[in-house]
Amino acid sequence: MSINTLHKGDDDDDTEGFLTAIQDQVILTRNYKKYILKRADTDEMCRRCGKESETIQHIRAACEQLAPTEYVKRHDGLAKIIHQKLAEAAELLDDRSPYYKYTPACLLENENFKQYWNCSILTDKTITFN
């Protein structure tokens, strides 16, 4: 979140407050309860994976339980916007739909470009996340 988002004032009060709380790391995670609120009876471990301390950073980018689903959704949501813009620039798309309705095709091509989306590619060497 940037300060420009807050200056625009497009978000309602609850959303703005929640985004600011996340940025300031004052969300009621287990780590926050134990170390900031000093609740001795609180287990700090992540309630999803149980392996690391439940912090904003852990929830956002490190929990192995969230990685296969939530992180992929977040990644693909952004990647779809980039895919669409590149496809428009290469004149691979006929219609222009809003980014949130755009569903990438596995392969877009014309005489000058090929653009792939979420397709396995044969390589000489094994690539783990191909």
C-alpha atoms as a PDB file:
ATOM      1  CA  MET A   1       0.000   0.000   0.000  1.00  0.00           C
ATOM      2  CA  SER A   2       1.312   3.427  -0.805  1.00  0.00           C
ATOM      3  CA  ILE A   3       0.478   6.767   0.722  1.00  0.00           C
ATOM      4  CA  ASN A   4      -1.159   7.659  -2.619  1.00  0.00           C
ATOM      5  CA  THR A   5      -3.844   5.053  -1.958  1.00  0.00           C
ATOM      6  CA  LEU A   6      -4.737   6.757   1.301  1.00  0.00           C
ATOM      7  CA  HIS A   7      -4.633  10.250  -0.230  1.00  0.00           C
ATOM      8  CA  LYS A   8      -7.120   9.261  -2.929  1.00  0.00           C
ATOM      9  CA  GLY A   9      -9.715   8.444  -0.298  1.00  0.00           C
ATOM     10  CA  ASP A  10     -11.441   5.808  -2.451  1.00  0.00           C
ATOM     11  CA  ASP A  11     -11.638   3.228   0.340  1.00  0.00           C
ATOM     12  CA  ASP A  12     -14.232   3.194   3.080  1.00  0.00           C
ATOM     13  CA  ASP A  13     -13.103   3.812   6.664  1.00  0.00           C
ATOM     14  CA  ASP A  14     -12.976   0.123   7.620  1.00  0.00           C
ATOM     15  CA  THR A  15     -10.823  -0.823   4.627  1.00  0.00           C
ATOM     16  CA  GLU A  16      -8.462   2.091   5.162  1.00  0.00           C
ATOM     17  CA  GLY A  17      -8.142   1.236   8.847  1.00  0.00           C
ATOM     18  CA  PHE A  18      -7.473  -2.423   8.117  1.00  0.00           C
ATOM     19  CA  LEU A  19      -4.814  -1.636   5.483  1.00  0.00           C
ATOM     20  CA  THR A  20      -3.115   0.786   7.850  1.00  0.00           C
ATOM     21  CA  ALA A  21      -3.184  -1.803  10.653  1.00  0.00           C
ATOM     22  CA  ILE A  22      -1.552  -4.383   8.386  1.00  0.00           C
ATOM     23  CA  GLN A  23       1.117  -1.886   7.342  1.00  0.00           C
ATOM     24  CA  ASP A  24       1.763  -0.960  10.971  1.00  0.00           C
ATOM     25  CA  GLN A  25       1.757  -4.667  11.922  1.00  0.00           C
ATOM     26  CA  VAL A  26      -0.892  -4.269  14.597  1.00  0.00           C
ATOM     27  CA  ILE A  27      -3.182  -7.049  13.387  1.00  0.00           C
ATOM     28  CA  LEU A  28      -4.250  -9.447  16.128  1.00  0.00           C
ATOM     29  CA  THR A  29      -1.989 -12.330  15.141  1.00  0.00           C
ATOM     30  CA  ARG A  30      -0.890 -14.872  17.721  1.00  0.00           C
ATOM     31  CA  ASN A  31       2.581 -13.318  17.768  1.00  0.00           C
ATOM     32  CA  TYR A  32       1.038  -9.891  18.473  1.00  0.00           C
ATOM     33  CA  LYS A  33      -1.096 -11.305  21.299  1.00  0.00           C
ATOM     34  CA  LYS A  34       1.857 -13.003  22.959  1.00  0.00           C
ATOM     35  CA  TYR A  35       4.613 -10.406  22.597  1.00  0.00           C
ATOM     36  CA  ILE A  36       2.820  -7.068  22.302  1.00  0.00           C
ATOM     37  CA  LEU A  37      -0.281  -7.654  24.420  1.00  0.00           C
ATOM     38  CA  LYS A  38       1.790  -9.878  26.761  1.00  0.00           C
ATOM     39  CA  ARG A  39      -0.811 -12.646  27.008  1.00  0.00           C
ATOM     40  CA  ALA A  40       1.238 -15.444  28.549  1.00  0.00           C
ATOM     41  CA  ASP A  41      -1.404 -18.084  27.852  1.00  0.00           C
ATOM     42  CA  THR A  42      -1.208 -17.505  24.073  1.00  0.00           C
ATOM     43  CA  ASP A  43       0.498 -19.963  21.735  1.00  0.00           C
ATOM     44  CA  GLU A  44       2.398 -17.922  19.130  1.00  0.00           C
ATOM     45  CA  MET A  45       2.559 -20.671  16.502  1.00  0.00           C
ATOM     46  CA  CYS A  46       0.633 -20.289  13.243  1.00  0.00           C
ATOM     47  CA  ARG A  47      -2.877 -21.684  13.512  1.00  0.00           C
ATOM     48  CA  ARG A  48      -2.659 -23.017   9.916  1.00  0.00           C
ATOM     49  CA  CYS A  49       0.730 -24.773   9.788  1.00  0.00           C
ATOM     50  CA  GLY A  50       1.742 -24.769  13.463  1.00  0.00           C
ATOM     51  CA  LYS A  51       5.419 -24.564  12.505  1.00  0.00           C
ATOM     52  CA  GLU A  52       6.356 -20.892  12.724  1.00  0.00           C
ATOM     53  CA  SER A  53       5.361 -17.834  14.704  1.00  0.00           C
ATOM     54  CA  GLU A  54       2.144 -16.328  13.336  1.00  0.00           C
ATOM     55  CA  THR A  55       3.263 -12.884  12.143  1.00  0.00           C
ATOM     56  CA  ILE A  56       2.021 -10.708   9.300  1.00  0.00           C
ATOM     57  CA  GLN A  57       5.125 -11.694   7.290  1.00  0.00           C
ATOM     58  CA  HIS A  58       4.498 -15.395   7.894  1.00  0.00           C
ATOM     59  CA  ILE A  59       0.823 -15.191   6.890  1.00  0.00           C
ATOM     60  CA  ARG A  60       1.590 -13.064   3.832  1.00  0.00           C
ATOM     61  CA  ALA A  61       4.476 -15.035   2.392  1.00  0.00           C
ATOM     62  CA  ALA A  62       5.783 -18.007   4.360  1.00  0.00           C
ATOM     63  CA  CYS A  63       3.024 -20.333   5.578  1.00  0.00           C
ATOM     64  CA  GLU A  64       3.324 -23.693   3.832  1.00  0.00           C
ATOM     65  CA  GLN A  65      -0.428 -24.287   4.249  1.00  0.00           C
ATOM     66  CA  LEU A  66      -1.308 -21.089   2.357  1.00  0.00           C
ATOM     67  CA  ALA A  67       1.376 -21.398  -0.344  1.00  0.00           C
ATOM     68  CA  PRO A  68      -0.359 -23.944  -2.610  1.00  0.00           C
ATOM     69  CA  THR A  69      -3.605 -21.942  -2.768  1.00  0.00           C
ATOM     70  CA  GLU A  70      -3.658 -18.369  -1.506  1.00  0.00           C
ATOM     71  CA  TYR A  71      -0.200 -17.349  -2.726  1.00  0.00           C
ATOM     72  CA  VAL A  72      -0.864 -18.842  -6.149  1.00  0.00           C
ATOM     73  CA  LYS A  73      -4.155 -16.906  -6.377  1.00  0.00           C
ATOM     74  CA  ARG A  74      -2.387 -13.670  -5.428  1.00  0.00           C
ATOM     75  CA  HIS A  75       0.441 -14.341  -7.894  1.00  0.00           C
ATOM     76  CA  ASP A  76      -1.895 -15.262 -10.747  1.00  0.00           C
ATOM     77  CA  GLY A  77      -4.121 -12.249 -10.093  1.00  0.00           C
ATOM     78  CA  LEU A  78      -1.208  -9.916 -10.735  1.00  0.00           C
ATOM     79  CA  ALA A  79       0.289 -12.033 -13.520  1.00  0.00           C
ATOM     80  CA  LYS A  80      -3.039 -11.981 -15.407  1.00  0.00           C
ATOM     81  CA  ILE A  81      -2.910  -8.179 -15.555  1.00  0.00           C
ATOM     82  CA  ILE A  82       0.635  -8.279 -16.939  1.00  0.00           C
ATOM     83  CA  HIS A  83      -0.338 -11.047 -19.388  1.00  0.00           C
ATOM     84  CA  GLN A  84      -3.273  -9.003 -20.657  1.00  0.00           C
ATOM     85  CA  LYS A  85      -1.215  -5.827 -21.112  1.00  0.00           C
ATOM     86  CA  LEU A  86       1.531  -7.687 -22.969  1.00  0.00           C
ATOM     87  CA  ALA A  87      -1.045  -9.436 -25.166  1.00  0.00           C
ATOM     88  CA  GLU A  88      -2.683  -6.094 -26.000  1.00  0.00           C
ATOM     89  CA  ALA A  89       0.694  -4.538 -26.824  1.00  0.00           C
ATOM     90  CA  ALA A  90       1.538  -7.468 -29.146  1.00  0.00           C
ATOM     91  CA  GLU A  91      -1.931  -7.277 -30.724  1.00  0.00           C
ATOM     92  CA  LEU A  92      -2.794 -10.811 -29.632  1.00  0.00           C
ATOM     93  CA  LEU A  93      -6.246  -9.893 -28.306  1.00  0.00           C
ATOM     94  CA  ASP A  94      -9.288  -8.787 -30.267  1.00  0.00           C
ATOM     95  CA  ASP A  95     -11.427  -7.607 -27.367  1.00  0.00           C
ATOM     96  CA  ARG A  96     -10.480  -5.634 -24.282  1.00  0.00           C
ATOM     97  CA  SER A  97     -12.205  -6.839 -21.162  1.00  0.00           C
ATOM     98  CA  PRO A  98     -11.655  -5.391 -17.682  1.00  0.00           C
ATOM     99  CA  TYR A  99      -8.640  -6.974 -15.993  1.00  0.00           C
ATOM    100  CA  TYR A 100     -10.782  -8.634 -13.316  1.00  0.00           C
ATOM    101  CA  LYS A 101     -12.803 -10.491 -15.985  1.00  0.00           C
ATOM    102  CA  TYR A 102      -9.790 -11.470 -18.102  1.00  0.00           C
ATOM    103  CA  THR A 103      -9.009 -15.184 -18.375  1.00  0.00           C
ATOM    104  CA  PRO A 104      -5.699 -15.887 -20.143  1.00  0.00           C
ATOM    105  CA  ALA A 105      -5.601 -18.493 -22.887  1.00  0.00           C
ATOM    106  CA  CYS A 106      -2.876 -21.114 -22.581  1.00  0.00           C
ATOM    107  CA  LEU A 107      -1.393 -19.887 -25.873  1.00  0.00           C
ATOM    108  CA  LEU A 108      -1.896 -16.682 -27.824  1.00  0.00           C
ATOM    109  CA  GLU A 109      -0.024 -16.211 -31.048  1.00  0.00           C
ATOM    110  CA  ASN A 110       0.169 -14.225 -34.233  1.00  0.00           C
ATOM    111  CA  GLU A 111       2.810 -14.034 -36.969  1.00  0.00           C
ATOM    112  CA  ASN A 112       5.190 -12.104 -34.675  1.00  0.00           C
ATOM    113  CA  PHE A 113       4.568 -13.334 -31.114  1.00  0.00           C
ATOM    114  CA  LYS A 114       3.704 -16.351 -28.982  1.00  0.00           C
ATOM    115  CA  GLN A 115       2.513 -15.810 -25.452  1.00  0.00           C
ATOM    116  CA  TYR A 116       2.030 -18.702 -23.026  1.00  0.00           C
ATOM    117  CA  TRP A 117       0.048 -18.886 -19.798  1.00  0.00           C
ATOM    118  CA  ASN A 118       0.503 -21.588 -17.182  1.00  0.00           C
ATOM    119  CA  CYS A 119       1.730 -24.229 -19.646  1.00  0.00           C
ATOM    120  CA  SER A 120       4.425 -26.814 -19.123  1.00  0.00           C
ATOM    121  CA  ILE A 121       7.352 -26.364 -21.475  1.00  0.00           C
ATOM    122  CA  LEU A 122       9.687 -29.176 -22.467  1.00  0.00           C
ATOM    123  CA  THR A 123      13.269 -28.377 -21.506  1.00  0.00           C
ATOM    124  CA  ASP A 124      16.573 -30.214 -21.723  1.00  0.00           C
ATOM    125  CA  LYS A 125      16.986 -30.039 -17.956  1.00  0.00           C
ATOM    126  CA  THR A 126      14.338 -30.688 -15.325  1.00  0.00           C
ATOM    127  CA  ILE A 127      12.962 -27.461 -13.903  1.00  0.00           C
ATOM    128  CA  THR A 128      11.131 -27.961 -10.615  1.00  0.00           C
ATOM    129  CA  PHE A 129       8.392 -25.378 -11.115  1.00  0.00           C
ATOM    130  CA  ASN A 130       8.036 -25.565 -14.895  1.00  0.00           C
END
